Amino acid sequence: MTEETPGFDENEKPDVPSGATPEDAEPQAAPSDKEGAAPAGDSASAAQDVALTAQLDQVRMALGERTTDLQRLQAEYQNYRRRVERDRVTVKEIAVANLLTELLPVLDDIGRAREHGELVGGFKSVAESLETVAAKMGLQQFGKEGEPFDPTVHEALMHSYAPDVTETTCVAILQPGYRIGERTIRPARVAVAEPQPGAQAGKSDEAAEKDAEKESGGPEEG
């Protein structure tokens, strides 16, 4: 009598394709979760890189704008400093010019006293100290006899004719002129002389006669 193993039916066999080996009959393992998740991870990383690149571009743009703003502010500040310095120098020059203008009558009195020999003793010391201080502040005196008349720096108060001048000339300084740097705060008040109206014609006739004598070989003998 043959014993049968309980619960085992020889007729029940796993379906095996024809031509397959016994190993093919074993159940196949399910694909790994890691293998299926790899494409999704790559997509997420690429999206994150794109987002970071966009943020970096925005930061660079903002940095460029702030740099341009700072450069503009720096240029405006430099222009402001130059303008303030220029205005400060101008205000100082105007203040000094106003002060020295008020002192000009005193300097004129000192000059007249010197011409008359009255600048002596303590008055002489004080006067010379005042002139030294005025010179240190940039005050310069101008105007001399014999120099050509210049209407931009001379003021003619007297006019005459003289045979020994060839152009309008300052023949007397009635009041000296004063300047600070290139700025004239008072023109020199002068007396001027012009050439005699007939002097130039006489000289021209004399020159013409000399030229004629040279061309004829000298004056004729009587």
Protein backbone atom coordinates (compact mmCIF):
# COMPACT_ATOMS: atom_id res chain seq x y z
CA MET A 1 0.00 0.00 0.00
CA THR A 2 1.38 3.34 -1.03
CA GLU A 3 1.42 6.22 1.49
CA GLU A 4 0.44 9.66 0.23
CA THR A 5 1.69 12.86 1.67
CA PRO A 6 -1.26 14.71 3.11
CA GLY A 7 -2.12 18.02 1.47
CA PHE A 8 -0.02 17.38 -1.60
CA ASP A 9 -1.63 16.86 -4.94
CA GLU A 10 0.68 15.66 -7.63
CA ASN A 11 -1.69 17.00 -10.22
CA GLU A 12 -1.30 20.55 -8.89
CA LYS A 13 1.92 22.01 -10.42
CA PRO A 14 2.91 25.61 -11.06
CA ASP A 15 2.39 26.90 -14.48
CA VAL A 16 5.73 26.83 -16.24
CA PRO A 17 6.06 27.94 -19.84
CA SER A 18 7.18 25.35 -22.21
CA GLY A 19 10.91 25.26 -22.69
CA ALA A 20 11.57 27.07 -19.41
CA THR A 21 14.04 25.87 -16.83
CA PRO A 22 13.07 25.07 -13.28
CA GLU A 23 14.59 28.35 -12.11
CA ASP A 24 12.07 30.19 -14.29
CA ALA A 25 9.35 28.73 -12.21
CA GLU A 26 10.59 30.56 -9.12
CA PRO A 27 8.75 33.80 -8.38
CA GLN A 28 10.53 37.00 -9.63
CA ALA A 29 11.44 39.68 -7.11
CA ALA A 30 9.67 43.02 -7.46
CA PRO A 31 11.74 45.89 -8.90
CA SER A 32 13.54 47.97 -6.28
CA ASP A 33 11.98 51.25 -5.17
CA LYS A 34 15.31 53.04 -5.71
CA GLU A 35 15.41 52.12 -9.38
CA GLY A 36 11.93 53.49 -9.96
CA ALA A 37 12.57 56.73 -7.96
CA ALA A 38 15.80 57.75 -9.77
CA PRO A 39 14.17 59.69 -12.64
CA ALA A 40 12.01 61.70 -10.23
CA GLY A 41 15.07 62.67 -8.17
CA ASP A 42 16.94 63.95 -11.24
CA SER A 43 13.98 66.14 -12.22
CA ALA A 44 13.77 67.65 -8.74
CA SER A 45 17.51 68.42 -8.72
CA ALA A 46 17.32 70.11 -12.13
CA ALA A 47 14.36 72.23 -11.05
CA GLN A 48 16.25 73.26 -7.92
CA ASP A 49 19.29 74.29 -10.01
CA VAL A 50 17.09 76.39 -12.28
CA ALA A 51 15.53 78.10 -9.27
CA LEU A 52 18.94 78.81 -7.73
CA THR A 53 20.23 80.21 -11.04
CA ALA A 54 17.22 82.52 -11.28
CA GLN A 55 17.76 83.71 -7.71
CA LEU A 56 21.45 84.30 -8.42
CA ASP A 57 20.58 86.39 -11.49
CA GLN A 58 18.19 88.47 -9.41
CA VAL A 59 20.84 89.03 -6.75
CA ARG A 60 23.40 90.06 -9.39
CA MET A 61 20.91 92.47 -10.95
CA ALA A 62 20.08 94.00 -7.57
CA LEU A 63 23.80 94.29 -6.77
CA GLY A 64 24.44 96.07 -10.08
CA GLU A 65 21.61 98.52 -9.41
CA ARG A 66 22.89 99.26 -5.89
CA THR A 67 26.42 99.73 -7.21
CA THR A 68 25.17 102.20 -9.83
CA ASP A 69 23.22 104.08 -7.14
CA LEU A 70 26.29 104.28 -4.92
CA GLN A 71 28.46 105.53 -7.80
CA ARG A 72 25.89 108.20 -8.62
CA LEU A 73 25.67 109.27 -4.97
CA GLN A 74 29.45 109.43 -4.75
CA ALA A 75 29.66 111.61 -7.86
CA GLU A 76 26.93 113.90 -6.51
CA TYR A 77 28.77 114.18 -3.20
CA GLN A 78 32.05 115.05 -4.91
CA ASN A 79 30.28 117.72 -6.97
CA TYR A 80 28.67 119.05 -3.79
CA ARG A 81 32.04 119.25 -2.05
CA ARG A 82 33.62 121.09 -4.98
CA ARG A 83 30.68 123.50 -5.14
CA VAL A 84 30.83 124.18 -1.40
CA GLU A 85 34.60 124.74 -1.55
CA ARG A 86 34.23 127.08 -4.53
CA ASP A 87 31.48 129.01 -2.75
CA ARG A 88 33.56 129.20 0.42
CA VAL A 89 36.52 130.64 -1.48
CA THR A 90 34.26 133.11 -3.29
CA VAL A 91 32.66 134.28 -0.05
CA LYS A 92 36.08 134.70 1.53
CA GLU A 93 37.36 136.73 -1.44
CA ILE A 94 34.29 138.97 -1.35
CA ALA A 95 34.64 139.53 2.39
CA VAL A 96 38.35 140.40 2.05
CA ALA A 97 37.65 142.69 -0.92
CA ASN A 98 34.93 144.52 1.01
CA LEU A 99 37.21 144.99 4.00
CA LEU A 100 40.13 146.25 1.93
CA THR A 101 37.84 148.55 -0.05
CA GLU A 102 36.89 150.26 3.20
CA LEU A 103 40.61 150.68 3.99
CA LEU A 104 41.52 152.34 0.66
CA PRO A 105 40.84 155.91 1.87
CA VAL A 106 43.15 155.28 4.83
CA LEU A 107 45.85 153.98 2.49
CA ASP A 108 45.37 157.06 0.30
CA ASP A 109 45.92 159.30 3.36
CA ILE A 110 49.07 157.33 4.20
CA GLY A 111 50.34 157.80 0.64
CA ARG A 112 49.72 161.55 0.69
CA ALA A 113 51.41 161.86 4.07
CA ARG A 114 54.43 160.01 2.68
CA GLU A 115 54.62 162.35 -0.33
CA HIS A 116 54.60 165.40 1.94
CA GLY A 117 57.15 163.99 4.35
CA GLU A 118 54.65 163.74 7.20
CA LEU A 119 54.99 159.98 7.69
CA VAL A 120 57.26 160.06 10.75
CA GLY A 121 57.46 158.70 14.27
CA GLY A 122 54.78 156.37 15.61
CA PHE A 123 52.42 157.24 12.77
CA LYS A 124 54.97 155.86 10.30
CA SER A 125 55.24 152.56 12.19
CA VAL A 126 51.46 152.13 12.36
CA ALA A 127 51.05 153.04 8.69
CA GLU A 128 53.70 150.59 7.55
CA SER A 129 52.15 147.82 9.69
CA LEU A 130 48.75 148.48 8.10
CA GLU A 131 50.24 148.35 4.60
CA THR A 132 52.00 145.08 5.44
CA VAL A 133 48.76 143.48 6.68
CA ALA A 134 46.90 144.65 3.56
CA ALA A 135 49.62 143.17 1.34
CA LYS A 136 49.41 139.83 3.21
CA MET A 137 45.68 139.77 2.49
CA GLY A 138 46.46 139.99 -1.23
CA LEU A 139 46.10 143.71 -1.88
CA GLN A 140 48.33 144.95 -4.72
CA GLN A 141 48.85 148.54 -5.79
CA PHE A 142 49.28 149.44 -9.46
CA GLY A 143 49.58 152.51 -11.66
CA LYS A 144 52.83 154.20 -12.75
CA GLU A 145 53.64 157.28 -14.73
CA GLY A 146 54.64 156.66 -18.31
CA GLU A 147 52.71 153.43 -18.83
CA PRO A 148 50.19 153.20 -21.70
CA PHE A 149 46.62 154.07 -20.85
CA ASP A 150 44.42 150.98 -20.42
CA PRO A 151 40.70 151.74 -19.95
CA THR A 152 40.16 148.39 -18.20
CA VAL A 153 42.42 149.34 -15.27
CA HIS A 154 42.79 153.13 -15.61
CA GLU A 155 40.27 155.92 -15.11
CA ALA A 156 41.25 159.12 -16.90
CA LEU A 157 40.37 162.24 -14.88
CA MET A 158 42.51 164.71 -16.85
CA HIS A 159 43.39 164.91 -20.53
CA SER A 160 46.07 166.83 -22.43
CA TYR A 161 48.35 166.70 -25.48
CA ALA A 162 52.10 166.23 -25.40
CA PRO A 163 54.65 166.28 -28.25
CA ASP A 164 56.86 163.62 -26.68
CA VAL A 165 54.32 160.74 -26.55
CA THR A 166 53.40 158.42 -29.39
CA GLU A 167 50.25 156.97 -27.79
CA THR A 168 47.78 157.79 -25.04
CA THR A 169 49.97 157.68 -21.93
CA CYS A 170 49.48 158.05 -18.18
CA VAL A 171 51.50 161.16 -17.33
CA ALA A 172 50.36 161.50 -13.69
CA ILE A 173 48.89 159.11 -11.10
CA LEU A 174 46.22 160.95 -9.14
CA GLN A 175 45.17 157.90 -7.13
CA PRO A 176 46.81 154.46 -7.33
CA GLY A 177 44.73 151.50 -8.32
CA TYR A 178 44.33 148.35 -6.24
CA ARG A 179 43.63 144.75 -7.13
CA ILE A 180 43.30 141.39 -5.36
CA GLY A 181 44.70 138.70 -7.59
CA GLU A 182 43.12 139.29 -10.99
CA ARG A 183 40.20 141.26 -9.56
CA THR A 184 40.43 145.06 -9.73
CA ILE A 185 38.74 146.67 -6.72
CA ARG A 186 39.61 150.22 -7.79
CA PRO A 187 41.04 151.49 -11.08
CA ALA A 188 44.02 153.83 -11.06
CA ARG A 189 42.86 157.42 -11.51
CA VAL A 190 45.25 159.13 -13.86
CA ALA A 191 45.95 162.11 -16.07
CA VAL A 192 46.57 161.15 -19.66
CA ALA A 193 48.28 162.83 -22.59
CA GLU A 194 47.83 162.15 -26.27
CA PRO A 195 50.19 162.99 -29.15
CA GLN A 196 49.84 166.47 -30.64
CA PRO A 197 47.42 166.36 -33.61
CA GLY A 198 49.94 168.11 -35.93
CA ALA A 199 53.01 166.37 -34.54
CA GLN A 200 52.37 163.14 -36.44
CA ALA A 201 51.72 165.05 -39.68
CA GLY A 202 54.94 167.07 -39.24
CA LYS A 203 56.90 163.90 -38.61
CA SER A 204 55.33 162.30 -41.66
CA ASP A 205 56.25 165.31 -43.85
CA GLU A 206 59.80 165.31 -42.51
CA ALA A 207 60.15 161.60 -43.19
CA ALA A 208 58.80 162.12 -46.70
CA GLU A 209 61.36 164.86 -47.37
CA LYS A 210 64.18 162.63 -46.15
CA ASP A 211 63.02 159.84 -48.42
CA ALA A 212 62.90 162.24 -51.37
CA GLU A 213 66.43 163.47 -50.63
CA LYS A 214 67.72 159.91 -50.56
CA GLU A 215 66.11 159.15 -53.91
CA SER A 216 67.60 162.34 -55.54
CA GLY A 217 71.06 161.75 -54.14
CA GLY A 218 71.03 164.47 -51.47
CA PRO A 219 70.16 168.18 -51.31
CA GLU A 220 71.13 170.43 -54.25
CA GLU A 221 74.09 172.76 -53.71
CA GLY A 222 73.60 176.49 -54.41
